[in-house]
Amino acid sequence: MDQKKIQRINELAKKERETGLTDVEKEERLALRQEYIADMKANLTATLENTYLVDEKGNKTKLQKKE
């Protein structure tokens, strides 16, 4: 997610606290938040897929996804 979209989320949050949002702005905020959450989940998943556990002997074990 680019910085402009994050800035827009913050602008909408500030406006909501000060004056309230219109229905169109609420829908925009919801869509931006959902996109932000999806991006965060994708980044976390990518990080965890490239994470290894190292035991005391130096053996690397890739994290396994829980079923």
N, C-alpha and C. Protein backbone atom coordinates (compact mmCIF):
# COMPACT_ATOMS: atom_id res chain seq x y z
N MET A 1 0.85 -1.17 0.00
CA MET A 1 0.00 0.00 0.00
C MET A 1 0.90 1.23 0.00
N ASP A 2 0.58 2.17 -0.85
CA ASP A 2 1.43 3.35 -0.95
C ASP A 2 1.10 4.38 0.15
N GLN A 3 2.00 5.31 0.32
CA GLN A 3 1.90 6.29 1.39
C GLN A 3 0.68 7.20 1.23
N LYS A 4 0.27 7.46 0.00
CA LYS A 4 -0.90 8.33 -0.22
C LYS A 4 -2.17 7.70 0.35
N LYS A 5 -2.30 6.38 0.21
CA LYS A 5 -3.49 5.71 0.73
C LYS A 5 -3.48 5.70 2.26
N ILE A 6 -2.32 5.49 2.84
CA ILE A 6 -2.21 5.52 4.31
C ILE A 6 -2.54 6.92 4.82
N GLN A 7 -2.05 7.92 4.13
CA GLN A 7 -2.35 9.30 4.51
C GLN A 7 -3.85 9.57 4.41
N ARG A 8 -4.49 9.03 3.39
CA ARG A 8 -5.94 9.22 3.23
C ARG A 8 -6.70 8.55 4.37
N ILE A 9 -6.27 7.37 4.81
CA ILE A 9 -6.90 6.70 5.96
C ILE A 9 -6.81 7.61 7.18
N ASN A 10 -5.64 8.20 7.39
CA ASN A 10 -5.45 9.08 8.54
C ASN A 10 -6.30 10.35 8.42
N GLU A 11 -6.42 10.88 7.22
CA GLU A 11 -7.26 12.07 7.02
C GLU A 11 -8.72 11.76 7.35
N LEU A 12 -9.19 10.61 6.90
CA LEU A 12 -10.57 10.23 7.17
C LEU A 12 -10.79 10.00 8.67
N ALA A 13 -9.82 9.41 9.35
CA ALA A 13 -9.93 9.19 10.79
C ALA A 13 -10.02 10.53 11.52
N LYS A 14 -9.20 11.47 11.13
CA LYS A 14 -9.20 12.79 11.75
C LYS A 14 -10.54 13.50 11.50
N LYS A 15 -11.01 13.43 10.27
CA LYS A 15 -12.28 14.07 9.92
C LYS A 15 -13.44 13.47 10.71
N GLU A 16 -13.38 12.14 10.90
CA GLU A 16 -14.46 11.49 11.64
C GLU A 16 -14.49 12.00 13.08
N ARG A 17 -13.34 12.16 13.68
CA ARG A 17 -13.29 12.67 15.06
C ARG A 17 -13.79 14.11 15.15
N GLU A 18 -13.50 14.90 14.14
CA GLU A 18 -13.83 16.32 14.19
C GLU A 18 -15.26 16.63 13.77
N THR A 19 -15.68 16.12 12.60
CA THR A 19 -16.99 16.51 12.07
C THR A 19 -17.87 15.34 11.66
N GLY A 20 -17.33 14.16 11.54
CA GLY A 20 -18.10 13.02 11.07
C GLY A 20 -17.87 12.79 9.59
N LEU A 21 -18.26 11.61 9.12
CA LEU A 21 -18.05 11.24 7.73
C LEU A 21 -19.38 11.04 7.02
N THR A 22 -19.36 11.28 5.72
CA THR A 22 -20.53 10.97 4.90
C THR A 22 -20.52 9.47 4.62
N ASP A 23 -21.61 8.97 4.07
CA ASP A 23 -21.68 7.55 3.74
C ASP A 23 -20.63 7.15 2.71
N VAL A 24 -20.39 8.02 1.74
CA VAL A 24 -19.38 7.74 0.72
C VAL A 24 -17.99 7.65 1.35
N GLU A 25 -17.70 8.56 2.27
CA GLU A 25 -16.40 8.55 2.95
C GLU A 25 -16.25 7.32 3.84
N LYS A 26 -17.33 6.89 4.47
CA LYS A 26 -17.29 5.68 5.29
C LYS A 26 -16.96 4.46 4.44
N GLU A 27 -17.57 4.39 3.25
CA GLU A 27 -17.28 3.27 2.34
C GLU A 27 -15.83 3.31 1.86
N GLU A 28 -15.35 4.52 1.56
CA GLU A 28 -13.95 4.67 1.13
C GLU A 28 -13.00 4.22 2.25
N ARG A 29 -13.31 4.66 3.47
CA ARG A 29 -12.47 4.29 4.61
C ARG A 29 -12.45 2.77 4.81
N LEU A 30 -13.61 2.15 4.71
CA LEU A 30 -13.69 0.70 4.87
C LEU A 30 -12.87 -0.02 3.81
N ALA A 31 -12.98 0.42 2.56
CA ALA A 31 -12.22 -0.21 1.48
C ALA A 31 -10.72 -0.03 1.69
N LEU A 32 -10.30 1.16 2.10
CA LEU A 32 -8.88 1.40 2.35
C LEU A 32 -8.37 0.56 3.52
N ARG A 33 -9.16 0.47 4.55
CA ARG A 33 -8.76 -0.35 5.71
C ARG A 33 -8.62 -1.82 5.33
N GLN A 34 -9.56 -2.32 4.55
CA GLN A 34 -9.49 -3.72 4.14
C GLN A 34 -8.26 -3.98 3.29
N GLU A 35 -7.93 -3.04 2.40
CA GLU A 35 -6.73 -3.18 1.58
C GLU A 35 -5.48 -3.16 2.45
N TYR A 36 -5.47 -2.27 3.45
CA TYR A 36 -4.33 -2.17 4.36
C TYR A 36 -4.15 -3.47 5.14
N ILE A 37 -5.23 -4.02 5.65
CA ILE A 37 -5.16 -5.27 6.41
C ILE A 37 -4.68 -6.41 5.53
N ALA A 38 -5.18 -6.49 4.30
CA ALA A 38 -4.75 -7.54 3.38
C ALA A 38 -3.25 -7.43 3.09
N ASP A 39 -2.76 -6.21 2.90
CA ASP A 39 -1.32 -6.01 2.67
C ASP A 39 -0.50 -6.42 3.87
N MET A 40 -0.97 -6.07 5.06
CA MET A 40 -0.24 -6.43 6.29
C MET A 40 -0.19 -7.95 6.45
N LYS A 41 -1.29 -8.62 6.18
CA LYS A 41 -1.32 -10.09 6.28
C LYS A 41 -0.37 -10.72 5.27
N ALA A 42 -0.35 -10.19 4.06
CA ALA A 42 0.54 -10.73 3.03
C ALA A 42 2.01 -10.54 3.43
N ASN A 43 2.33 -9.38 3.98
CA ASN A 43 3.70 -9.13 4.42
C ASN A 43 4.10 -10.05 5.56
N LEU A 44 3.20 -10.26 6.51
CA LEU A 44 3.49 -11.15 7.63
C LEU A 44 3.67 -12.58 7.15
N THR A 45 2.81 -13.02 6.24
CA THR A 45 2.92 -14.37 5.70
C THR A 45 4.26 -14.56 4.98
N ALA A 46 4.66 -13.58 4.19
CA ALA A 46 5.94 -13.66 3.47
C ALA A 46 7.10 -13.73 4.45
N THR A 47 7.03 -12.96 5.51
CA THR A 47 8.09 -12.98 6.51
C THR A 47 8.17 -14.34 7.19
N LEU A 48 7.03 -14.87 7.58
CA LEU A 48 7.02 -16.16 8.27
C LEU A 48 7.45 -17.30 7.36
N GLU A 49 7.15 -17.20 6.06
CA GLU A 49 7.57 -18.25 5.13
C GLU A 49 9.09 -18.28 4.96
N ASN A 50 9.75 -17.19 5.28
CA ASN A 50 11.20 -17.13 5.16
C ASN A 50 11.89 -17.13 6.52
N THR A 51 11.21 -17.65 7.53
CA THR A 51 11.77 -17.70 8.88
C THR A 51 12.19 -19.13 9.21
N TYR A 52 13.37 -19.23 9.80
CA TYR A 52 13.91 -20.52 10.21
C TYR A 52 14.21 -20.49 11.69
N LEU A 53 14.02 -21.64 12.33
CA LEU A 53 14.42 -21.81 13.72
C LEU A 53 15.78 -22.48 13.73
N VAL A 54 16.68 -22.00 14.58
CA VAL A 54 18.01 -22.58 14.68
C VAL A 54 18.16 -23.15 16.08
N ASP A 55 18.46 -24.47 16.15
CA ASP A 55 18.64 -25.09 17.47
C ASP A 55 20.06 -24.86 17.97
N GLU A 56 20.36 -25.39 19.14
CA GLU A 56 21.66 -25.17 19.77
C GLU A 56 22.82 -25.78 18.98
N LYS A 57 22.53 -26.74 18.11
CA LYS A 57 23.58 -27.36 17.29
C LYS A 57 23.76 -26.62 15.96
N GLY A 58 22.95 -25.63 15.71
CA GLY A 58 23.07 -24.85 14.48
C GLY A 58 22.22 -25.38 13.34
N ASN A 59 21.39 -26.36 13.61
CA ASN A 59 20.51 -26.91 12.57
C ASN A 59 19.35 -25.96 12.33
N LYS A 60 19.11 -25.68 11.05
CA LYS A 60 17.99 -24.80 10.68
C LYS A 60 16.76 -25.63 10.35
N THR A 61 15.63 -25.19 10.87
CA THR A 61 14.35 -25.83 10.58
C THR A 61 13.38 -24.75 10.16
N LYS A 62 12.78 -24.96 9.00
CA LYS A 62 11.82 -23.99 8.49
C LYS A 62 10.53 -24.09 9.30
N LEU A 63 9.92 -22.94 9.57
CA LEU A 63 8.64 -22.94 10.29
C LEU A 63 7.60 -23.69 9.48
N GLN A 64 6.80 -24.48 10.16
CA GLN A 64 5.75 -25.23 9.50
C GLN A 64 4.41 -24.56 9.79
N LYS A 65 3.57 -24.50 8.78
CA LYS A 65 2.23 -23.92 8.93
C LYS A 65 1.35 -24.87 9.71
N LYS A 66 0.64 -24.34 10.71
CA LYS A 66 -0.28 -25.17 11.49
C LYS A 66 -1.49 -25.52 10.65
N GLU A 67 -1.94 -26.71 10.80
CA GLU A 67 -3.12 -27.17 10.06
C GLU A 67 -4.36 -26.95 10.86
